[in-house]
Amino acid sequence: MGSYLHTMVRVRNLDQSLAFYRLLGLRELRRSEVPAGQYTLVFVGYDDNAHGQAEIELTYNWGQDDGYEVGTGFGHFAVGVPNVAEAVEQVRTGGGKVTREAGPVKHGTTVIAFVEDPDGYKIELIQR
C-alpha cells in the first residue's frame, strides 16, 4: 500500500501564508525554487517530519498575486492541537481570521474551532 504524503494549495503571498501556518506550529521543512517554471514550492509540517506525517505544500506561482478561487469542493485541513482555545488566540493575536470559536462539535463533546489562512483555506483545529 501507499502512504498519504501532502496536500497542495496555491497561495498568492508566500510570506503571509508561511507566517499564518507558523501560528499553528507548522514550520518550513523544505523549499524548491523552480525558475524555469516560475514557481516556488514550500512544504510545511511539524518537527522534522521524522514520523512521516502528512505535509502541506504551498505553491506560489510567480506573478500570480491576484489569488485563486478556493472552490466549493474543498472542505478544510484538520490540525490536532493540545488546546483549541489557546490556538485560536494565537491565530487571532497573529492577525488571522477566526470563523468559529472554540467549543464542542455539534451533538458531541470534541472541542473544535475553525480559522482561515490568508488565501481563505479553512483549517479545523481539533483538541487532542
C-alpha atoms as a PDB file:
ATOM      1  CA  MET A   1       0.000   0.000   0.000  1.00  0.00           C
ATOM      2  CA  GLY A   2       0.954   3.648  -0.184  1.00  0.00           C
ATOM      3  CA  SER A   3       1.030   6.489   2.292  1.00  0.00           C
ATOM      4  CA  TYR A   4      -0.558   9.925   2.348  1.00  0.00           C
ATOM      5  CA  LEU A   5       2.183  12.484   1.621  1.00  0.00           C
ATOM      6  CA  HIS A   6       0.784  16.007   1.304  1.00  0.00           C
ATOM      7  CA  THR A   7      -1.968  18.347   0.176  1.00  0.00           C
ATOM      8  CA  MET A   8      -1.043  21.150  -2.236  1.00  0.00           C
ATOM      9  CA  VAL A   9      -2.672  24.572  -2.232  1.00  0.00           C
ATOM     10  CA  ARG A  10      -1.826  27.604  -4.342  1.00  0.00           C
ATOM     11  CA  VAL A  11      -1.080  30.788  -2.423  1.00  0.00           C
ATOM     12  CA  ARG A  12      -0.866  34.399  -3.564  1.00  0.00           C
ATOM     13  CA  ASN A  13       1.696  35.591  -0.986  1.00  0.00           C
ATOM     14  CA  LEU A  14       4.177  33.008   0.270  1.00  0.00           C
ATOM     15  CA  ASP A  15       5.451  35.105   3.194  1.00  0.00           C
ATOM     16  CA  GLN A  16       1.942  35.768   4.531  1.00  0.00           C
ATOM     17  CA  SER A  17       0.998  32.105   4.196  1.00  0.00           C
ATOM     18  CA  LEU A  18       4.145  30.920   5.972  1.00  0.00           C
ATOM     19  CA  ALA A  19       3.546  33.400   8.809  1.00  0.00           C
ATOM     20  CA  PHE A  20      -0.004  32.089   9.220  1.00  0.00           C
ATOM     21  CA  TYR A  21       0.955  28.405   9.318  1.00  0.00           C
ATOM     22  CA  ARG A  22       3.707  29.192  11.852  1.00  0.00           C
ATOM     23  CA  LEU A  23       0.923  30.432  14.157  1.00  0.00           C
ATOM     24  CA  LEU A  24      -0.350  26.832  14.147  1.00  0.00           C
ATOM     25  CA  GLY A  25       3.093  25.446  14.962  1.00  0.00           C
ATOM     26  CA  LEU A  26       3.966  24.234  11.468  1.00  0.00           C
ATOM     27  CA  ARG A  27       7.396  25.071  10.120  1.00  0.00           C
ATOM     28  CA  GLU A  28       9.098  25.105   6.754  1.00  0.00           C
ATOM     29  CA  LEU A  29      10.533  21.655   6.071  1.00  0.00           C
ATOM     30  CA  ARG A  30      11.920  22.222   2.584  1.00  0.00           C
ATOM     31  CA  ARG A  31      11.733  24.645  -0.321  1.00  0.00           C
ATOM     32  CA  SER A  32      12.218  24.350  -4.076  1.00  0.00           C
ATOM     33  CA  GLU A  33      12.675  27.340  -6.371  1.00  0.00           C
ATOM     34  CA  VAL A  34      11.903  26.447  -9.997  1.00  0.00           C
ATOM     35  CA  PRO A  35      12.941  29.412 -12.187  1.00  0.00           C
ATOM     36  CA  ALA A  36      12.188  27.585 -15.452  1.00  0.00           C
ATOM     37  CA  GLY A  37       8.592  27.058 -14.328  1.00  0.00           C
ATOM     38  CA  GLN A  38       8.389  30.340 -12.417  1.00  0.00           C
ATOM     39  CA  TYR A  39       7.136  28.852  -9.174  1.00  0.00           C
ATOM     40  CA  THR A  40       8.240  28.123  -5.612  1.00  0.00           C
ATOM     41  CA  LEU A  41       7.194  25.118  -3.533  1.00  0.00           C
ATOM     42  CA  VAL A  42       7.381  25.211   0.251  1.00  0.00           C
ATOM     43  CA  PHE A  43       6.454  22.167   2.318  1.00  0.00           C
ATOM     44  CA  VAL A  44       5.301  22.835   5.884  1.00  0.00           C
ATOM     45  CA  GLY A  45       4.789  20.336   8.672  1.00  0.00           C
ATOM     46  CA  TYR A  46       5.576  19.540  12.271  1.00  0.00           C
ATOM     47  CA  ASP A  47       9.015  18.908  13.756  1.00  0.00           C
ATOM     48  CA  ASP A  48      11.313  17.407  11.124  1.00  0.00           C
ATOM     49  CA  ASN A  49       8.613  15.039   9.816  1.00  0.00           C
ATOM     50  CA  ALA A  50      10.640  12.063  11.049  1.00  0.00           C
ATOM     51  CA  HIS A  51       7.386  10.178  11.642  1.00  0.00           C
ATOM     52  CA  GLY A  52       6.120  10.663   8.083  1.00  0.00           C
ATOM     53  CA  GLN A  53       3.201  12.926   8.946  1.00  0.00           C
ATOM     54  CA  ALA A  54       1.301  14.466   6.065  1.00  0.00           C
ATOM     55  CA  GLU A  55       2.509  17.887   4.967  1.00  0.00           C
ATOM     56  CA  ILE A  56       1.011  20.943   3.279  1.00  0.00           C
ATOM     57  CA  GLU A  57       2.650  22.030   0.032  1.00  0.00           C
ATOM     58  CA  LEU A  58       2.320  25.786  -0.512  1.00  0.00           C
ATOM     59  CA  THR A  59       2.731  26.565  -4.212  1.00  0.00           C
ATOM     60  CA  TYR A  60       3.486  30.127  -5.237  1.00  0.00           C
ATOM     61  CA  ASN A  61       3.279  30.791  -8.982  1.00  0.00           C
ATOM     62  CA  TRP A  62       5.453  33.843  -9.586  1.00  0.00           C
ATOM     63  CA  GLY A  63       3.453  36.894 -10.580  1.00  0.00           C
ATOM     64  CA  GLN A  64       0.095  35.316  -9.692  1.00  0.00           C
ATOM     65  CA  ASP A  65      -0.628  37.751  -6.876  1.00  0.00           C
ATOM     66  CA  ASP A  66      -4.355  38.165  -7.520  1.00  0.00           C
ATOM     67  CA  GLY A  67      -5.106  34.861  -5.816  1.00  0.00           C
ATOM     68  CA  TYR A  68      -7.219  31.857  -6.682  1.00  0.00           C
ATOM     69  CA  GLU A  69     -10.765  30.711  -6.099  1.00  0.00           C
ATOM     70  CA  VAL A  70     -10.878  28.191  -3.271  1.00  0.00           C
ATOM     71  CA  GLY A  71     -13.800  26.401  -4.912  1.00  0.00           C
ATOM     72  CA  THR A  72     -16.771  24.571  -3.483  1.00  0.00           C
ATOM     73  CA  GLY A  73     -15.209  21.111  -3.462  1.00  0.00           C
ATOM     74  CA  PHE A  74     -12.505  21.854  -0.899  1.00  0.00           C
ATOM     75  CA  GLY A  75     -13.580  21.429   2.723  1.00  0.00           C
ATOM     76  CA  HIS A  76     -10.761  22.068   5.174  1.00  0.00           C
ATOM     77  CA  PHE A  77      -7.457  20.934   6.619  1.00  0.00           C
ATOM     78  CA  ALA A  78      -7.587  19.408  10.101  1.00  0.00           C
ATOM     79  CA  VAL A  79      -4.870  20.081  12.673  1.00  0.00           C
ATOM     80  CA  GLY A  80      -4.694  18.439  16.095  1.00  0.00           C
ATOM     81  CA  VAL A  81      -3.693  20.794  18.908  1.00  0.00           C
ATOM     82  CA  PRO A  82      -3.444  20.326  22.686  1.00  0.00           C
ATOM     83  CA  ASN A  83      -5.666  23.335  23.456  1.00  0.00           C
ATOM     84  CA  VAL A  84      -8.025  24.705  20.800  1.00  0.00           C
ATOM     85  CA  ALA A  85      -8.870  27.912  22.708  1.00  0.00           C
ATOM     86  CA  GLU A  86      -5.166  28.792  23.020  1.00  0.00           C
ATOM     87  CA  ALA A  87      -4.565  28.043  19.327  1.00  0.00           C
ATOM     88  CA  VAL A  88      -7.491  30.309  18.382  1.00  0.00           C
ATOM     89  CA  GLU A  89      -5.998  33.135  20.450  1.00  0.00           C
ATOM     90  CA  GLN A  90      -2.602  32.653  18.770  1.00  0.00           C
ATOM     91  CA  VAL A  91      -4.237  32.943  15.361  1.00  0.00           C
ATOM     92  CA  ARG A  92      -6.277  35.991  16.407  1.00  0.00           C
ATOM     93  CA  THR A  93      -3.268  37.725  18.002  1.00  0.00           C
ATOM     94  CA  GLY A  94      -1.223  36.993  14.869  1.00  0.00           C
ATOM     95  CA  GLY A  95      -3.822  38.722  12.702  1.00  0.00           C
ATOM     96  CA  GLY A  96      -5.514  35.552  11.442  1.00  0.00           C
ATOM     97  CA  LYS A  97      -9.232  35.114  10.867  1.00  0.00           C
ATOM     98  CA  VAL A  98     -11.294  33.006  13.284  1.00  0.00           C
ATOM     99  CA  THR A  99     -14.530  31.772  11.719  1.00  0.00           C
ATOM    100  CA  ARG A 100     -15.757  29.510  14.555  1.00  0.00           C
ATOM    101  CA  GLU A 101     -14.735  29.962  18.160  1.00  0.00           C
ATOM    102  CA  ALA A 102     -13.522  27.039  20.256  1.00  0.00           C
ATOM    103  CA  GLY A 103     -16.321  24.832  21.551  1.00  0.00           C
ATOM    104  CA  PRO A 104     -17.804  21.349  21.368  1.00  0.00           C
ATOM    105  CA  VAL A 105     -18.740  19.962  17.976  1.00  0.00           C
ATOM    106  CA  LYS A 106     -22.490  19.948  17.357  1.00  0.00           C
ATOM    107  CA  HIS A 107     -24.103  16.951  19.105  1.00  0.00           C
ATOM    108  CA  GLY A 108     -20.742  15.890  20.584  1.00  0.00           C
ATOM    109  CA  THR A 109     -18.013  16.689  23.060  1.00  0.00           C
ATOM    110  CA  THR A 110     -14.879  17.069  20.939  1.00  0.00           C
ATOM    111  CA  VAL A 111     -13.622  20.671  21.124  1.00  0.00           C
ATOM    112  CA  ILE A 112     -13.039  22.254  17.712  1.00  0.00           C
ATOM    113  CA  ALA A 113     -12.674  25.664  16.068  1.00  0.00           C
ATOM    114  CA  PHE A 114     -12.214  26.947  12.523  1.00  0.00           C
ATOM    115  CA  VAL A 115      -9.747  29.524  11.234  1.00  0.00           C
ATOM    116  CA  GLU A 116      -8.842  30.715   7.729  1.00  0.00           C
ATOM    117  CA  ASP A 117      -5.429  31.223   6.193  1.00  0.00           C
ATOM    118  CA  PRO A 118      -4.642  34.355   4.133  1.00  0.00           C
ATOM    119  CA  ASP A 119      -6.000  32.697   0.961  1.00  0.00           C
ATOM    120  CA  GLY A 120      -9.314  31.662   2.527  1.00  0.00           C
ATOM    121  CA  TYR A 121      -8.496  27.980   3.096  1.00  0.00           C
ATOM    122  CA  LYS A 122     -10.285  26.691   6.186  1.00  0.00           C
ATOM    123  CA  ILE A 123      -8.414  24.884   8.958  1.00  0.00           C
ATOM    124  CA  GLU A 124     -10.281  22.906  11.594  1.00  0.00           C
ATOM    125  CA  LEU A 125      -8.498  22.846  14.940  1.00  0.00           C
ATOM    126  CA  ILE A 126      -9.276  19.664  16.899  1.00  0.00           C
ATOM    127  CA  GLN A 127      -8.325  19.273  20.552  1.00  0.00           C
ATOM    128  CA  ARG A 128      -6.153  16.174  21.037  1.00  0.00           C
END
